[in-house]
């Protein structure tokens, strides 16, 4: 995976969808998909160049926090190639 990876984990689907919508509108990123982690936790995944992913995650976290609970977020600038095995199974 040559692109950076951005992740936001929320409590519930609604803040996750709000984060995804805001991220897609705020930066030139690609939505990979989402994962129901369990116990009400949902993680949204995006990829793109590191600057765009940073901007998207920052704006997504702010948007999700306005409507729900953000549990965690992370940008991985240069993920190992094996990470694509995990992320690719969640293609939107």
C-alpha atoms as a PDB file:
ATOM      1  CA  UNK A   1       0.000   0.000   0.000  1.00  0.00           C
ATOM      2  CA  UNK A   2       1.729   3.163  -1.160  1.00  0.00           C
ATOM      3  CA  UNK A   3      -0.997   5.558  -0.018  1.00  0.00           C
ATOM      4  CA  UNK A   4      -1.406   6.687   3.566  1.00  0.00           C
ATOM      5  CA  UNK A   5      -4.114   5.074   5.642  1.00  0.00           C
ATOM      6  CA  UNK A   6      -6.547   7.007   7.829  1.00  0.00           C
ATOM      7  CA  UNK A   7      -8.807   5.424  10.445  1.00  0.00           C
ATOM      8  CA  UNK A   8     -11.528   6.799  12.694  1.00  0.00           C
ATOM      9  CA  UNK A   9     -13.317   4.623  15.238  1.00  0.00           C
ATOM     10  CA  UNK A  10     -16.627   5.795  16.685  1.00  0.00           C
ATOM     11  CA  UNK A  11     -19.266   4.534  19.066  1.00  0.00           C
ATOM     12  CA  UNK A  12     -22.177   3.811  16.719  1.00  0.00           C
ATOM     13  CA  UNK A  13     -22.785   4.051  12.994  1.00  0.00           C
ATOM     14  CA  UNK A  14     -24.184   7.591  12.779  1.00  0.00           C
ATOM     15  CA  UNK A  15     -20.989   9.425  13.826  1.00  0.00           C
ATOM     16  CA  UNK A  16     -19.010   7.086  11.560  1.00  0.00           C
ATOM     17  CA  UNK A  17     -21.148   7.995   8.552  1.00  0.00           C
ATOM     18  CA  UNK A  18     -20.865  11.686   9.459  1.00  0.00           C
ATOM     19  CA  UNK A  19     -17.077  11.328   9.624  1.00  0.00           C
ATOM     20  CA  UNK A  20     -16.947   9.515   6.270  1.00  0.00           C
ATOM     21  CA  UNK A  21     -19.105  12.133   4.564  1.00  0.00           C
ATOM     22  CA  UNK A  22     -17.023  14.990   5.932  1.00  0.00           C
ATOM     23  CA  UNK A  23     -13.732  13.287   5.050  1.00  0.00           C
ATOM     24  CA  UNK A  24     -14.794  12.640   1.466  1.00  0.00           C
ATOM     25  CA  UNK A  25     -15.945  16.249   1.053  1.00  0.00           C
ATOM     26  CA  UNK A  26     -12.921  17.861   2.712  1.00  0.00           C
ATOM     27  CA  UNK A  27      -9.980  16.220   0.953  1.00  0.00           C
ATOM     28  CA  UNK A  28      -8.966  14.202  -2.085  1.00  0.00           C
ATOM     29  CA  UNK A  29      -9.072  10.773  -0.442  1.00  0.00           C
ATOM     30  CA  UNK A  30     -10.573   7.396  -1.316  1.00  0.00           C
ATOM     31  CA  UNK A  31     -13.033   5.698   1.010  1.00  0.00           C
ATOM     32  CA  UNK A  32     -11.913   2.101   1.563  1.00  0.00           C
ATOM     33  CA  UNK A  33     -14.836   1.009   3.702  1.00  0.00           C
ATOM     34  CA  UNK A  34     -15.918   0.440   7.259  1.00  0.00           C
ATOM     35  CA  UNK A  35     -15.820  -2.339   9.814  1.00  0.00           C
ATOM     36  CA  UNK A  36     -18.246  -3.126  12.638  1.00  0.00           C
ATOM     37  CA  UNK A  37     -15.701  -3.920  15.296  1.00  0.00           C
ATOM     38  CA  UNK A  38     -18.186  -5.034  17.958  1.00  0.00           C
ATOM     39  CA  UNK A  39     -19.719  -3.576  21.107  1.00  0.00           C
ATOM     40  CA  UNK A  40     -21.096  -0.721  18.998  1.00  0.00           C
ATOM     41  CA  UNK A  41     -17.700   0.344  17.664  1.00  0.00           C
ATOM     42  CA  UNK A  42     -17.399   1.183  13.967  1.00  0.00           C
ATOM     43  CA  UNK A  43     -14.164   2.029  12.127  1.00  0.00           C
ATOM     44  CA  UNK A  44     -14.024   3.956   8.847  1.00  0.00           C
ATOM     45  CA  UNK A  45     -10.942   3.623   6.602  1.00  0.00           C
ATOM     46  CA  UNK A  46      -9.669   6.013   3.927  1.00  0.00           C
ATOM     47  CA  UNK A  47      -6.514   6.259   1.840  1.00  0.00           C
ATOM     48  CA  UNK A  48      -4.676   8.914  -0.134  1.00  0.00           C
ATOM     49  CA  UNK A  49      -1.584  11.075   0.077  1.00  0.00           C
ATOM     50  CA  UNK A  50      -0.466  11.846   3.615  1.00  0.00           C
ATOM     51  CA  UNK A  51      -1.498  15.519   3.590  1.00  0.00           C
ATOM     52  CA  UNK A  52      -4.982  14.766   2.296  1.00  0.00           C
ATOM     53  CA  UNK A  53      -5.475  11.893   4.739  1.00  0.00           C
ATOM     54  CA  UNK A  54      -4.324  14.047   7.672  1.00  0.00           C
ATOM     55  CA  UNK A  55      -6.739  16.817   6.694  1.00  0.00           C
ATOM     56  CA  UNK A  56      -9.579  14.355   6.122  1.00  0.00           C
ATOM     57  CA  UNK A  57      -9.112  12.564   9.446  1.00  0.00           C
ATOM     58  CA  UNK A  58      -8.891  15.848  11.351  1.00  0.00           C
ATOM     59  CA  UNK A  59     -12.113  17.152   9.822  1.00  0.00           C
ATOM     60  CA  UNK A  60     -13.814  13.752  10.170  1.00  0.00           C
ATOM     61  CA  UNK A  61     -12.975  13.545  13.871  1.00  0.00           C
ATOM     62  CA  UNK A  62     -14.395  17.033  14.466  1.00  0.00           C
ATOM     63  CA  UNK A  63     -17.595  16.208  12.586  1.00  0.00           C
ATOM     64  CA  UNK A  64     -18.118  12.855  14.301  1.00  0.00           C
ATOM     65  CA  UNK A  65     -17.510  14.355  17.737  1.00  0.00           C
ATOM     66  CA  UNK A  66     -20.350  16.842  17.136  1.00  0.00           C
ATOM     67  CA  UNK A  67     -22.902  14.017  16.736  1.00  0.00           C
ATOM     68  CA  UNK A  68     -21.443  11.182  18.818  1.00  0.00           C
ATOM     69  CA  UNK A  69     -18.365   9.710  20.439  1.00  0.00           C
ATOM     70  CA  UNK A  70     -14.986   9.344  18.725  1.00  0.00           C
ATOM     71  CA  UNK A  71     -13.113   6.478  20.364  1.00  0.00           C
ATOM     72  CA  UNK A  72      -9.859   6.662  18.419  1.00  0.00           C
ATOM     73  CA  UNK A  73      -8.256   7.926  15.227  1.00  0.00           C
ATOM     74  CA  UNK A  74      -4.965   7.354  13.463  1.00  0.00           C
ATOM     75  CA  UNK A  75      -3.074   8.226  10.293  1.00  0.00           C
ATOM     76  CA  UNK A  76      -0.415   5.775   9.140  1.00  0.00           C
ATOM     77  CA  UNK A  77       1.820   7.620   6.680  1.00  0.00           C
ATOM     78  CA  UNK A  78       3.501   4.652   5.000  1.00  0.00           C
ATOM     79  CA  UNK A  79       1.803   1.440   6.039  1.00  0.00           C
ATOM     80  CA  UNK A  80       3.611  -1.826   5.419  1.00  0.00           C
ATOM     81  CA  UNK A  81       2.550  -3.585   2.208  1.00  0.00           C
ATOM     82  CA  UNK A  82       0.907  -6.387   4.207  1.00  0.00           C
ATOM     83  CA  UNK A  83      -1.592  -3.900   5.637  1.00  0.00           C
ATOM     84  CA  UNK A  84      -3.272  -3.846   2.225  1.00  0.00           C
ATOM     85  CA  UNK A  85      -4.360  -7.448   2.879  1.00  0.00           C
ATOM     86  CA  UNK A  86      -6.476  -6.158   5.763  1.00  0.00           C
ATOM     87  CA  UNK A  87      -7.721  -2.955   4.140  1.00  0.00           C
ATOM     88  CA  UNK A  88      -8.499  -4.434   0.708  1.00  0.00           C
ATOM     89  CA  UNK A  89     -11.112  -6.828   2.065  1.00  0.00           C
ATOM     90  CA  UNK A  90     -13.149  -3.769   3.092  1.00  0.00           C
ATOM     91  CA  UNK A  91     -13.337  -2.043  -0.292  1.00  0.00           C
ATOM     92  CA  UNK A  92     -16.483   0.064  -0.540  1.00  0.00           C
END
